[in-house]
Structure formats: structure tokens, C-alpha cells
């Protein structure tokens, strides 16, 4: 499926959606420099970013080391046999 998207190229709605999502993520950025809540809520953003980074690293590892496993996960997620 990814080859199909690469052959077709990015379309304007896809680019606009990505830019809008990025802009919405930037909305919360100033809140990182304001008053912090008490523990344990003050560490939740850092925990989230750590888990997100671990997921990205795992995805990149699977893409490089075991692409067949990544294809299997994609098929299971999409409900294909």
C-alpha cells in the first residue's frame, strides 16, 4: 500500500491535514513553560514523549530488521488474512 502512495504522490488534502495537525500540536507547546502541576501529573508529558520515542525506535527497528513482521502487524491491524 505504501508503494501506491509513493507512486501517486502527496495530494493537497494530505499535506493540509498534516500541517493542521502539526499546528494543533504546537498549540500546547507554551504550556510546557508555564506553572507545572504537582507530582505525578508533572511527569506525564515526559513519560508520553518517552513512550512515543520508544515506539518510533521499535517501528524503525522492525522496518530495518524484520519487514515481514511489520507487514504481518499491518495485515492484522487492517483485518486482512
N, C-alpha and C. Protein backbone atom coordinates (compact mmCIF):
# COMPACT_ATOMS: atom_id res chain seq x y z
N UNK A 1 0.82 -1.18 0.00
CA UNK A 1 0.00 0.00 0.00
C UNK A 1 0.87 1.26 0.00
N UNK A 2 2.01 1.22 0.69
CA UNK A 2 2.84 2.41 0.75
C UNK A 2 3.44 2.73 -0.62
N UNK A 3 3.71 1.70 -1.43
CA UNK A 3 4.24 1.96 -2.76
C UNK A 3 3.22 2.71 -3.61
N UNK A 4 1.95 2.38 -3.46
CA UNK A 4 0.89 3.04 -4.20
C UNK A 4 0.88 4.54 -3.86
N UNK A 5 1.01 4.85 -2.58
CA UNK A 5 1.00 6.25 -2.18
C UNK A 5 2.22 6.98 -2.72
N UNK A 6 3.37 6.30 -2.70
CA UNK A 6 4.58 6.94 -3.19
C UNK A 6 4.51 7.18 -4.69
N UNK A 7 3.90 6.26 -5.42
CA UNK A 7 3.76 6.46 -6.86
C UNK A 7 2.80 7.59 -7.19
N UNK A 8 1.74 7.69 -6.40
CA UNK A 8 0.73 8.70 -6.65
C UNK A 8 1.19 10.08 -6.20
N UNK A 9 2.01 10.12 -5.16
CA UNK A 9 2.49 11.40 -4.65
C UNK A 9 1.53 12.01 -3.66
N UNK A 10 2.02 12.94 -2.86
CA UNK A 10 1.15 13.57 -1.86
C UNK A 10 0.13 14.48 -2.53
N UNK A 11 -1.06 14.45 -2.02
CA UNK A 11 -2.13 15.30 -2.52
C UNK A 11 -2.34 16.46 -1.56
N UNK A 12 -2.97 17.50 -2.03
CA UNK A 12 -3.17 18.70 -1.23
C UNK A 12 -3.92 18.42 0.08
N UNK A 13 -5.00 17.61 0.08
CA UNK A 13 -5.68 17.35 1.37
C UNK A 13 -4.77 16.67 2.39
N UNK A 14 -3.89 15.77 1.93
CA UNK A 14 -2.99 15.09 2.86
C UNK A 14 -1.99 16.07 3.46
N UNK A 15 -1.47 16.93 2.63
CA UNK A 15 -0.49 17.91 3.11
C UNK A 15 -1.16 18.90 4.06
N UNK A 16 -2.35 19.35 3.72
CA UNK A 16 -3.06 20.30 4.58
C UNK A 16 -3.43 19.66 5.91
N UNK A 17 -3.83 18.40 5.90
CA UNK A 17 -4.16 17.71 7.14
C UNK A 17 -2.92 17.57 8.02
N UNK A 18 -1.79 17.23 7.42
CA UNK A 18 -0.55 17.11 8.20
C UNK A 18 -0.14 18.45 8.78
N UNK A 19 -0.24 19.51 8.00
CA UNK A 19 0.12 20.84 8.51
C UNK A 19 -0.83 21.30 9.62
N UNK A 20 -2.12 21.01 9.48
CA UNK A 20 -3.08 21.37 10.52
C UNK A 20 -2.80 20.59 11.80
N UNK A 21 -2.47 19.31 11.69
CA UNK A 21 -2.14 18.52 12.88
C UNK A 21 -0.89 19.06 13.55
N UNK A 22 0.10 19.41 12.77
CA UNK A 22 1.33 19.97 13.33
C UNK A 22 1.04 21.29 14.04
N UNK A 23 0.22 22.13 13.45
CA UNK A 23 -0.12 23.41 14.07
C UNK A 23 -0.87 23.20 15.38
N UNK A 24 -1.77 22.21 15.41
CA UNK A 24 -2.51 21.94 16.64
C UNK A 24 -1.59 21.38 17.73
N UNK A 25 -0.57 20.63 17.34
CA UNK A 25 0.39 20.15 18.33
C UNK A 25 1.20 21.30 18.91
N UNK A 26 1.46 22.31 18.11
CA UNK A 26 2.22 23.47 18.59
C UNK A 26 1.43 24.31 19.58
N UNK A 27 0.10 24.19 19.58
CA UNK A 27 -0.72 24.98 20.48
C UNK A 27 -0.36 24.69 21.93
N UNK A 28 -0.08 23.44 22.25
CA UNK A 28 0.23 23.07 23.62
C UNK A 28 1.66 23.34 24.05
N UNK A 29 2.50 23.74 23.13
CA UNK A 29 3.91 23.97 23.45
C UNK A 29 4.14 25.05 24.50
N UNK A 30 3.45 26.21 24.47
CA UNK A 30 3.68 27.21 25.51
C UNK A 30 3.30 26.71 26.91
N UNK A 31 2.42 25.76 27.01
CA UNK A 31 2.01 25.25 28.32
C UNK A 31 3.16 24.53 29.02
N UNK A 32 4.17 24.10 28.27
CA UNK A 32 5.31 23.43 28.89
C UNK A 32 6.15 24.39 29.71
N UNK A 33 6.06 25.69 29.45
CA UNK A 33 6.89 26.64 30.16
C UNK A 33 6.12 27.39 31.26
N UNK A 34 4.85 27.07 31.44
CA UNK A 34 4.06 27.73 32.47
C UNK A 34 4.10 26.91 33.75
N UNK A 35 3.31 27.27 34.71
CA UNK A 35 3.28 26.60 36.01
C UNK A 35 3.01 25.11 35.85
N UNK A 36 3.81 24.31 36.51
CA UNK A 36 3.68 22.86 36.41
C UNK A 36 2.78 22.33 37.52
N UNK A 37 1.98 21.31 37.21
CA UNK A 37 1.15 20.69 38.25
C UNK A 37 2.03 19.87 39.21
N UNK A 38 1.43 19.43 40.28
CA UNK A 38 2.18 18.65 41.26
C UNK A 38 2.38 17.22 40.76
N UNK A 39 3.28 16.52 41.46
CA UNK A 39 3.59 15.13 41.10
C UNK A 39 2.36 14.29 41.31
N UNK A 40 2.00 13.33 40.51
CA UNK A 40 2.69 12.71 39.40
C UNK A 40 2.32 13.32 38.05
N UNK A 41 1.45 14.31 38.05
CA UNK A 41 0.98 14.86 36.78
C UNK A 41 2.05 15.66 36.05
N UNK A 42 3.07 16.11 36.75
CA UNK A 42 4.11 16.88 36.10
C UNK A 42 5.03 16.01 35.25
N UNK A 43 5.06 14.70 35.47
CA UNK A 43 5.94 13.82 34.69
C UNK A 43 5.20 13.15 33.53
N UNK A 44 3.89 13.29 33.45
CA UNK A 44 3.14 12.60 32.41
C UNK A 44 3.54 13.00 30.99
N UNK A 45 3.77 14.28 30.68
CA UNK A 45 4.22 14.62 29.32
C UNK A 45 5.55 13.97 28.97
N UNK A 46 6.46 13.92 29.93
CA UNK A 46 7.75 13.30 29.67
C UNK A 46 7.63 11.79 29.48
N UNK A 47 6.75 11.17 30.25
CA UNK A 47 6.50 9.73 30.09
C UNK A 47 5.91 9.47 28.71
N UNK A 48 4.95 10.31 28.31
CA UNK A 48 4.34 10.15 27.00
C UNK A 48 5.38 10.29 25.89
N UNK A 49 6.22 11.31 25.97
CA UNK A 49 7.25 11.50 24.94
C UNK A 49 8.23 10.34 24.92
N UNK A 50 8.56 9.81 26.08
CA UNK A 50 9.45 8.65 26.14
C UNK A 50 8.83 7.42 25.49
N UNK A 51 7.56 7.16 25.78
CA UNK A 51 6.87 6.03 25.16
C UNK A 51 6.72 6.22 23.66
N UNK A 52 6.45 7.44 23.24
CA UNK A 52 6.34 7.73 21.81
C UNK A 52 7.68 7.50 21.12
N UNK A 53 8.76 7.93 21.73
CA UNK A 53 10.09 7.72 21.16
C UNK A 53 10.42 6.24 21.10
N UNK A 54 10.07 5.49 22.13
CA UNK A 54 10.32 4.04 22.13
C UNK A 54 9.53 3.36 21.01
N UNK A 55 8.30 3.79 20.78
CA UNK A 55 7.51 3.22 19.69
C UNK A 55 8.09 3.52 18.33
N UNK A 56 8.59 4.73 18.15
CA UNK A 56 9.21 5.09 16.87
C UNK A 56 10.48 4.27 16.64
N UNK A 57 11.29 4.12 17.68
CA UNK A 57 12.52 3.33 17.57
C UNK A 57 12.18 1.88 17.25
N UNK A 58 11.15 1.33 17.90
CA UNK A 58 10.74 -0.05 17.63
C UNK A 58 10.24 -0.21 16.19
N UNK A 59 9.47 0.77 15.71
CA UNK A 59 8.99 0.72 14.33
C UNK A 59 10.16 0.76 13.35
N UNK A 60 11.11 1.66 13.58
CA UNK A 60 12.27 1.74 12.68
C UNK A 60 13.10 0.46 12.73
N UNK A 61 13.22 -0.14 13.91
CA UNK A 61 13.92 -1.41 14.03
C UNK A 61 13.22 -2.50 13.23
N UNK A 62 11.89 -2.59 13.37
CA UNK A 62 11.15 -3.61 12.62
C UNK A 62 11.25 -3.37 11.12
N UNK A 63 11.20 -2.12 10.71
CA UNK A 63 11.29 -1.81 9.29
C UNK A 63 12.64 -2.23 8.71
N UNK A 64 13.70 -2.11 9.50
CA UNK A 64 15.02 -2.46 9.01
C UNK A 64 15.33 -3.94 9.19
N UNK A 65 14.96 -4.52 10.32
CA UNK A 65 15.40 -5.88 10.65
C UNK A 65 14.39 -6.96 10.26
N UNK A 66 13.09 -6.66 10.35
CA UNK A 66 12.08 -7.68 10.10
C UNK A 66 10.88 -7.08 9.37
N UNK A 67 11.04 -6.72 8.10
CA UNK A 67 9.92 -6.12 7.39
C UNK A 67 8.72 -7.06 7.23
N UNK A 68 8.98 -8.37 7.23
CA UNK A 68 7.87 -9.31 7.12
C UNK A 68 7.00 -9.27 8.38
N UNK A 69 7.60 -9.07 9.54
CA UNK A 69 6.84 -8.95 10.78
C UNK A 69 6.01 -7.65 10.76
N UNK A 70 6.58 -6.60 10.23
CA UNK A 70 5.86 -5.34 10.12
C UNK A 70 4.66 -5.49 9.18
N UNK A 71 4.84 -6.23 8.08
CA UNK A 71 3.73 -6.48 7.16
C UNK A 71 2.66 -7.33 7.83
N UNK A 72 3.08 -8.27 8.67
CA UNK A 72 2.12 -9.11 9.39
C UNK A 72 1.31 -8.27 10.39
N UNK A 73 1.97 -7.36 11.08
CA UNK A 73 1.26 -6.47 12.01
C UNK A 73 0.27 -5.59 11.27
N UNK A 74 0.68 -5.08 10.10
CA UNK A 74 -0.21 -4.25 9.29
C UNK A 74 -1.43 -5.03 8.84
N UNK A 75 -1.22 -6.28 8.42
CA UNK A 75 -2.34 -7.11 7.97
C UNK A 75 -3.29 -7.41 9.12
N UNK A 76 -2.75 -7.68 10.30
CA UNK A 76 -3.61 -7.93 11.46
C UNK A 76 -4.40 -6.68 11.84
N UNK A 77 -3.76 -5.53 11.75
CA UNK A 77 -4.43 -4.27 12.11
C UNK A 77 -5.55 -3.96 11.13
N UNK A 78 -5.31 -4.20 9.85
CA UNK A 78 -6.33 -3.90 8.85
C UNK A 78 -7.37 -5.00 8.72
N UNK A 79 -7.16 -6.13 9.40
CA UNK A 79 -8.12 -7.22 9.37
C UNK A 79 -8.03 -8.08 8.14
N UNK A 80 -6.88 -8.05 7.47
CA UNK A 80 -6.69 -8.88 6.30
C UNK A 80 -6.14 -10.22 6.72
N UNK A 81 -6.33 -11.22 5.89
CA UNK A 81 -5.80 -12.56 6.21
C UNK A 81 -4.48 -12.81 5.56
